Amino acid sequence: MKTAPVALLFPIYNEDPARFFSGIEVMYEALEEAGMIEHFTFFVLSDSTDPNRWVEEEESYEELPQTLLDFAQRDRRWCQGNLQHAWIAFFGRIPFFSRVHMLNGIYAYLAAPLWLLFLGVSTLIAYSWESSGLTLLARPNVLPISPDSLPIHGLTVLLWYPP
C-alpha cells in the first residue's frame, strides 16, 4: 500500500537545543528501526528571538560528541543497533529501500573487521609463498629485501596496516 509522505515539523522557541534535538534524534532512530523512515521528512522551525540561541541551535543540529569516549560509546550503541536488526533486514517484510539502508548500516560496521581479516590472510599467504621457495614473480630479484631496504619496508608496513 502506498502512503503519502509525512512532514514532521518541530518548532523551537528559546529552548535548550541539546534537549530539543536529542528528542528528535530518538524519534528519527525509532522510525528508522521500524523501517518507516522513508515516509517521513523532518523540518525544524526556529522562532527563537535570542541571537545567541540561534547560534546554539545551529551548533546543536549536527553536534559531535565532545570526547573520544563519548564518541566511542555512541558508535558502539549505533553498531549494536545496526547488528541487532540484521534479522529484520534479511527476513523482515520491509520496503526494499529500508532493507538496503539497514544492510548498508550493517556493512559499515563489518567492513573494518573484514578488511583486517583480508590483510591478515593475504600476509599469511604471501609468507607461505616466500617460505616455500616459490615465487609469483618472473624475476625474484626485481624486489629484493636487503638490509638497505628494511627502513622503507618497515615504513610501508606502518602506513599500510594500522589504518
C-alpha atoms as a PDB file:
ATOM      1  CA  MET A   1       0.000   0.000   0.000  1.00  0.00           C
ATOM      2  CA  LYS A   2       1.383   3.393  -0.998  1.00  0.00           C
ATOM      3  CA  THR A   3       1.225   6.141   1.576  1.00  0.00           C
ATOM      4  CA  ALA A   4       1.808   9.845   1.145  1.00  0.00           C
ATOM      5  CA  PRO A   5       4.977  11.265   2.690  1.00  0.00           C
ATOM      6  CA  VAL A   6       4.537  12.862   6.089  1.00  0.00           C
ATOM      7  CA  ALA A   7       6.241  16.122   7.054  1.00  0.00           C
ATOM      8  CA  LEU A   8       7.195  16.346  10.708  1.00  0.00           C
ATOM      9  CA  LEU A   9       7.576  19.970  11.776  1.00  0.00           C
ATOM     10  CA  PHE A  10       9.341  20.722  15.045  1.00  0.00           C
ATOM     11  CA  PRO A  11       9.129  24.352  16.211  1.00  0.00           C
ATOM     12  CA  ILE A  12      11.736  25.561  18.681  1.00  0.00           C
ATOM     13  CA  TYR A  13      11.315  28.788  20.629  1.00  0.00           C
ATOM     14  CA  ASN A  14      14.158  29.742  23.007  1.00  0.00           C
ATOM     15  CA  GLU A  15      14.506  26.156  24.273  1.00  0.00           C
ATOM     16  CA  ASP A  16      17.574  24.146  25.225  1.00  0.00           C
ATOM     17  CA  PRO A  17      18.846  22.957  21.808  1.00  0.00           C
ATOM     18  CA  ALA A  18      20.599  19.843  23.146  1.00  0.00           C
ATOM     19  CA  ARG A  19      17.406  18.527  24.767  1.00  0.00           C
ATOM     20  CA  PHE A  20      15.297  19.526  21.781  1.00  0.00           C
ATOM     21  CA  PHE A  21      17.462  17.784  19.173  1.00  0.00           C
ATOM     22  CA  SER A  22      18.002  14.690  21.307  1.00  0.00           C
ATOM     23  CA  GLY A  23      14.213  14.204  21.292  1.00  0.00           C
ATOM     24  CA  ILE A  24      14.133  14.478  17.504  1.00  0.00           C
ATOM     25  CA  GLU A  25      17.058  12.039  17.263  1.00  0.00           C
ATOM     26  CA  VAL A  26      15.195   9.446  19.349  1.00  0.00           C
ATOM     27  CA  MET A  27      12.146   9.766  17.106  1.00  0.00           C
ATOM     28  CA  TYR A  28      14.284   9.511  13.955  1.00  0.00           C
ATOM     29  CA  GLU A  29      16.044   6.359  15.197  1.00  0.00           C
ATOM     30  CA  ALA A  30      12.728   4.739  16.187  1.00  0.00           C
ATOM     31  CA  LEU A  31      11.259   5.369  12.727  1.00  0.00           C
ATOM     32  CA  GLU A  32      14.465   4.140  11.103  1.00  0.00           C
ATOM     33  CA  GLU A  33      14.463   0.910  13.123  1.00  0.00           C
ATOM     34  CA  ALA A  34      10.809   0.346  12.243  1.00  0.00           C
ATOM     35  CA  GLY A  35      11.673   0.647   8.547  1.00  0.00           C
ATOM     36  CA  MET A  36       9.335   3.598   8.122  1.00  0.00           C
ATOM     37  CA  ILE A  37      11.835   6.459   7.811  1.00  0.00           C
ATOM     38  CA  GLU A  38      11.354   6.776   4.055  1.00  0.00           C
ATOM     39  CA  HIS A  39       7.802   8.007   4.667  1.00  0.00           C
ATOM     40  CA  PHE A  40       8.866  10.961   6.834  1.00  0.00           C
ATOM     41  CA  THR A  41      10.651  14.256   6.269  1.00  0.00           C
ATOM     42  CA  PHE A  42      11.899  16.250   9.237  1.00  0.00           C
ATOM     43  CA  PHE A  43      11.770  20.039   9.429  1.00  0.00           C
ATOM     44  CA  VAL A  44      12.910  22.298  12.261  1.00  0.00           C
ATOM     45  CA  LEU A  45      11.394  25.766  12.509  1.00  0.00           C
ATOM     46  CA  SER A  46      13.280  28.170  14.743  1.00  0.00           C
ATOM     47  CA  ASP A  47      11.229  31.020  16.181  1.00  0.00           C
ATOM     48  CA  SER A  48      13.837  31.864  18.802  1.00  0.00           C
ATOM     49  CA  THR A  49      14.254  35.554  19.441  1.00  0.00           C
ATOM     50  CA  ASP A  50      17.664  35.486  21.100  1.00  0.00           C
ATOM     51  CA  PRO A  51      20.570  35.658  18.578  1.00  0.00           C
ATOM     52  CA  ASN A  52      22.747  33.581  20.922  1.00  0.00           C
ATOM     53  CA  ARG A  53      20.119  30.827  20.819  1.00  0.00           C
ATOM     54  CA  TRP A  54      20.261  30.841  17.019  1.00  0.00           C
ATOM     55  CA  VAL A  55      23.953  30.023  17.150  1.00  0.00           C
ATOM     56  CA  GLU A  56      23.395  27.309  19.784  1.00  0.00           C
ATOM     57  CA  GLU A  57      20.619  25.766  17.695  1.00  0.00           C
ATOM     58  CA  GLU A  58      22.775  25.636  14.580  1.00  0.00           C
ATOM     59  CA  GLU A  59      25.686  24.127  16.515  1.00  0.00           C
ATOM     60  CA  SER A  60      23.449  21.519  18.165  1.00  0.00           C
ATOM     61  CA  TYR A  61      21.901  20.439  14.886  1.00  0.00           C
ATOM     62  CA  GLU A  62      24.948  18.405  13.827  1.00  0.00           C
ATOM     63  CA  GLU A  63      26.889  18.281  17.066  1.00  0.00           C
ATOM     64  CA  LEU A  64      29.547  15.606  17.500  1.00  0.00           C
ATOM     65  CA  PRO A  65      30.352  14.064  20.874  1.00  0.00           C
ATOM     66  CA  GLN A  66      32.813  16.182  22.871  1.00  0.00           C
ATOM     67  CA  THR A  67      35.236  13.438  23.961  1.00  0.00           C
ATOM     68  CA  LEU A  68      36.652  10.339  22.349  1.00  0.00           C
ATOM     69  CA  LEU A  69      34.968   8.175  24.997  1.00  0.00           C
ATOM     70  CA  ASP A  70      31.568   9.736  24.217  1.00  0.00           C
ATOM     71  CA  PHE A  71      32.161   9.183  20.509  1.00  0.00           C
ATOM     72  CA  ALA A  72      33.122   5.531  21.100  1.00  0.00           C
ATOM     73  CA  GLN A  73      30.042   4.950  23.281  1.00  0.00           C
ATOM     74  CA  ARG A  74      27.750   6.454  20.639  1.00  0.00           C
ATOM     75  CA  ASP A  75      29.433   4.456  17.882  1.00  0.00           C
ATOM     76  CA  ARG A  76      29.132   1.213  19.900  1.00  0.00           C
ATOM     77  CA  ARG A  77      25.436   1.892  20.516  1.00  0.00           C
ATOM     78  CA  TRP A  78      24.855   2.514  16.799  1.00  0.00           C
ATOM     79  CA  CYS A  79      26.818  -0.625  15.895  1.00  0.00           C
ATOM     80  CA  GLN A  80      24.774  -2.774  18.265  1.00  0.00           C
ATOM     81  CA  GLY A  81      21.559  -1.298  16.882  1.00  0.00           C
ATOM     82  CA  ASN A  82      22.588  -1.980  13.296  1.00  0.00           C
ATOM     83  CA  LEU A  83      23.722  -5.545  14.005  1.00  0.00           C
ATOM     84  CA  GLN A  84      20.628  -6.351  16.090  1.00  0.00           C
ATOM     85  CA  HIS A  85      18.432  -5.583  13.110  1.00  0.00           C
ATOM     86  CA  ALA A  86      20.233  -7.941  10.728  1.00  0.00           C
ATOM     87  CA  TRP A  87      17.418 -10.480  11.111  1.00  0.00           C
ATOM     88  CA  ILE A  88      14.835  -7.879  10.087  1.00  0.00           C
ATOM     89  CA  ALA A  89      16.997  -6.707   7.197  1.00  0.00           C
ATOM     90  CA  PHE A  90      17.336 -10.215   5.782  1.00  0.00           C
ATOM     91  CA  PHE A  91      13.962 -11.766   6.580  1.00  0.00           C
ATOM     92  CA  GLY A  92      11.574  -8.968   7.582  1.00  0.00           C
ATOM     93  CA  ARG A  93       8.710  -7.698   5.476  1.00  0.00           C
ATOM     94  CA  ILE A  94      10.012  -4.200   4.938  1.00  0.00           C
ATOM     95  CA  PRO A  95      10.274  -1.969   1.867  1.00  0.00           C
ATOM     96  CA  PHE A  96      13.253  -2.540  -0.421  1.00  0.00           C
ATOM     97  CA  PHE A  97      14.979   0.778   0.276  1.00  0.00           C
ATOM     98  CA  SER A  98      14.623   0.274   4.037  1.00  0.00           C
ATOM     99  CA  ARG A  99      16.281  -3.115   3.604  1.00  0.00           C
ATOM    100  CA  VAL A 100      19.122  -1.549   1.597  1.00  0.00           C
ATOM    101  CA  HIS A 101      19.512   1.157   4.259  1.00  0.00           C
ATOM    102  CA  MET A 102      19.748  -1.429   7.054  1.00  0.00           C
ATOM    103  CA  LEU A 103      22.195  -3.636   5.129  1.00  0.00           C
ATOM    104  CA  ASN A 104      24.355  -0.598   4.398  1.00  0.00           C
ATOM    105  CA  GLY A 105      24.477   0.198   8.118  1.00  0.00           C
ATOM    106  CA  ILE A 106      25.409  -3.403   8.941  1.00  0.00           C
ATOM    107  CA  TYR A 107      28.144  -3.428   6.305  1.00  0.00           C
ATOM    108  CA  ALA A 108      29.549  -0.130   7.590  1.00  0.00           C
ATOM    109  CA  TYR A 109      30.449  -1.847  10.864  1.00  0.00           C
ATOM    110  CA  LEU A 110      31.536  -5.162   9.366  1.00  0.00           C
ATOM    111  CA  ALA A 111      33.808  -3.647   6.694  1.00  0.00           C
ATOM    112  CA  ALA A 112      36.715  -2.824   9.032  1.00  0.00           C
ATOM    113  CA  PRO A 113      36.985  -6.310  10.630  1.00  0.00           C
ATOM    114  CA  LEU A 114      36.621  -7.909   7.186  1.00  0.00           C
ATOM    115  CA  TRP A 115      39.392  -5.666   5.840  1.00  0.00           C
ATOM    116  CA  LEU A 116      41.647  -6.596   8.766  1.00  0.00           C
ATOM    117  CA  LEU A 117      40.918 -10.290   8.146  1.00  0.00           C
ATOM    118  CA  PHE A 118      41.763  -9.836   4.460  1.00  0.00           C
ATOM    119  CA  LEU A 119      45.093  -8.171   5.317  1.00  0.00           C
ATOM    120  CA  GLY A 120      45.980 -10.931   7.764  1.00  0.00           C
ATOM    121  CA  VAL A 121      45.103 -13.761   5.392  1.00  0.00           C
ATOM    122  CA  SER A 122      46.915 -12.142   2.465  1.00  0.00           C
ATOM    123  CA  THR A 123      50.000 -11.640   4.664  1.00  0.00           C
ATOM    124  CA  LEU A 124      49.946 -15.313   5.661  1.00  0.00           C
ATOM    125  CA  ILE A 125      49.589 -16.357   2.029  1.00  0.00           C
ATOM    126  CA  ALA A 126      52.495 -14.128   0.999  1.00  0.00           C
ATOM    127  CA  TYR A 127      54.603 -15.508   3.860  1.00  0.00           C
ATOM    128  CA  SER A 128      53.814 -19.113   2.907  1.00  0.00           C
ATOM    129  CA  TRP A 129      54.867 -18.412  -0.687  1.00  0.00           C
ATOM    130  CA  GLU A 130      58.108 -16.820   0.496  1.00  0.00           C
ATOM    131  CA  SER A 131      58.987 -19.693   2.841  1.00  0.00           C
ATOM    132  CA  SER A 132      58.204 -22.339   0.223  1.00  0.00           C
ATOM    133  CA  GLY A 133      60.843 -21.056  -2.170  1.00  0.00           C
ATOM    134  CA  LEU A 134      58.235 -20.479  -4.877  1.00  0.00           C
ATOM    135  CA  THR A 135      57.603 -17.061  -6.286  1.00  0.00           C
ATOM    136  CA  LEU A 136      54.881 -15.287  -8.240  1.00  0.00           C
ATOM    137  CA  LEU A 137      57.439 -13.007  -9.867  1.00  0.00           C
ATOM    138  CA  ALA A 138      59.152 -13.964 -13.110  1.00  0.00           C
ATOM    139  CA  ARG A 139      62.377 -12.427 -11.773  1.00  0.00           C
ATOM    140  CA  PRO A 140      62.501 -12.605  -7.978  1.00  0.00           C
ATOM    141  CA  ASN A 141      65.455 -10.197  -7.856  1.00  0.00           C
ATOM    142  CA  VAL A 142      63.251  -7.320  -9.021  1.00  0.00           C
ATOM    143  CA  LEU A 143      62.033  -6.650  -5.455  1.00  0.00           C
ATOM    144  CA  PRO A 144      64.805  -7.881  -3.153  1.00  0.00           C
ATOM    145  CA  ILE A 145      64.614  -7.402   0.591  1.00  0.00           C
ATOM    146  CA  SER A 146      68.043  -6.342   1.741  1.00  0.00           C
ATOM    147  CA  PRO A 147      69.290  -4.609   4.873  1.00  0.00           C
ATOM    148  CA  ASP A 148      69.303  -1.352   2.918  1.00  0.00           C
ATOM    149  CA  SER A 149      65.616  -1.666   2.032  1.00  0.00           C
ATOM    150  CA  LEU A 150      64.351  -2.614   5.521  1.00  0.00           C
ATOM    151  CA  PRO A 151      63.545   1.000   6.583  1.00  0.00           C
ATOM    152  CA  ILE A 152      61.355   1.560   3.534  1.00  0.00           C
ATOM    153  CA  HIS A 153      59.623  -1.797   4.017  1.00  0.00           C
ATOM    154  CA  GLY A 154      59.073  -1.000   7.698  1.00  0.00           C
ATOM    155  CA  LEU A 155      57.593   2.392   6.846  1.00  0.00           C
ATOM    156  CA  THR A 156      55.321   0.777   4.260  1.00  0.00           C
ATOM    157  CA  VAL A 157      54.044  -1.727   6.837  1.00  0.00           C
ATOM    158  CA  LEU A 158      53.471   1.085   9.365  1.00  0.00           C
ATOM    159  CA  LEU A 159      51.446   3.078   6.864  1.00  0.00           C
ATOM    160  CA  TRP A 160      49.572   0.108   5.457  1.00  0.00           C
ATOM    161  CA  TYR A 161      48.401  -1.948   8.440  1.00  0.00           C
ATOM    162  CA  PRO A 162      47.378   0.406  11.286  1.00  0.00           C
ATOM    163  CA  PRO A 163      44.683   2.419   9.455  1.00  0.00           C
END
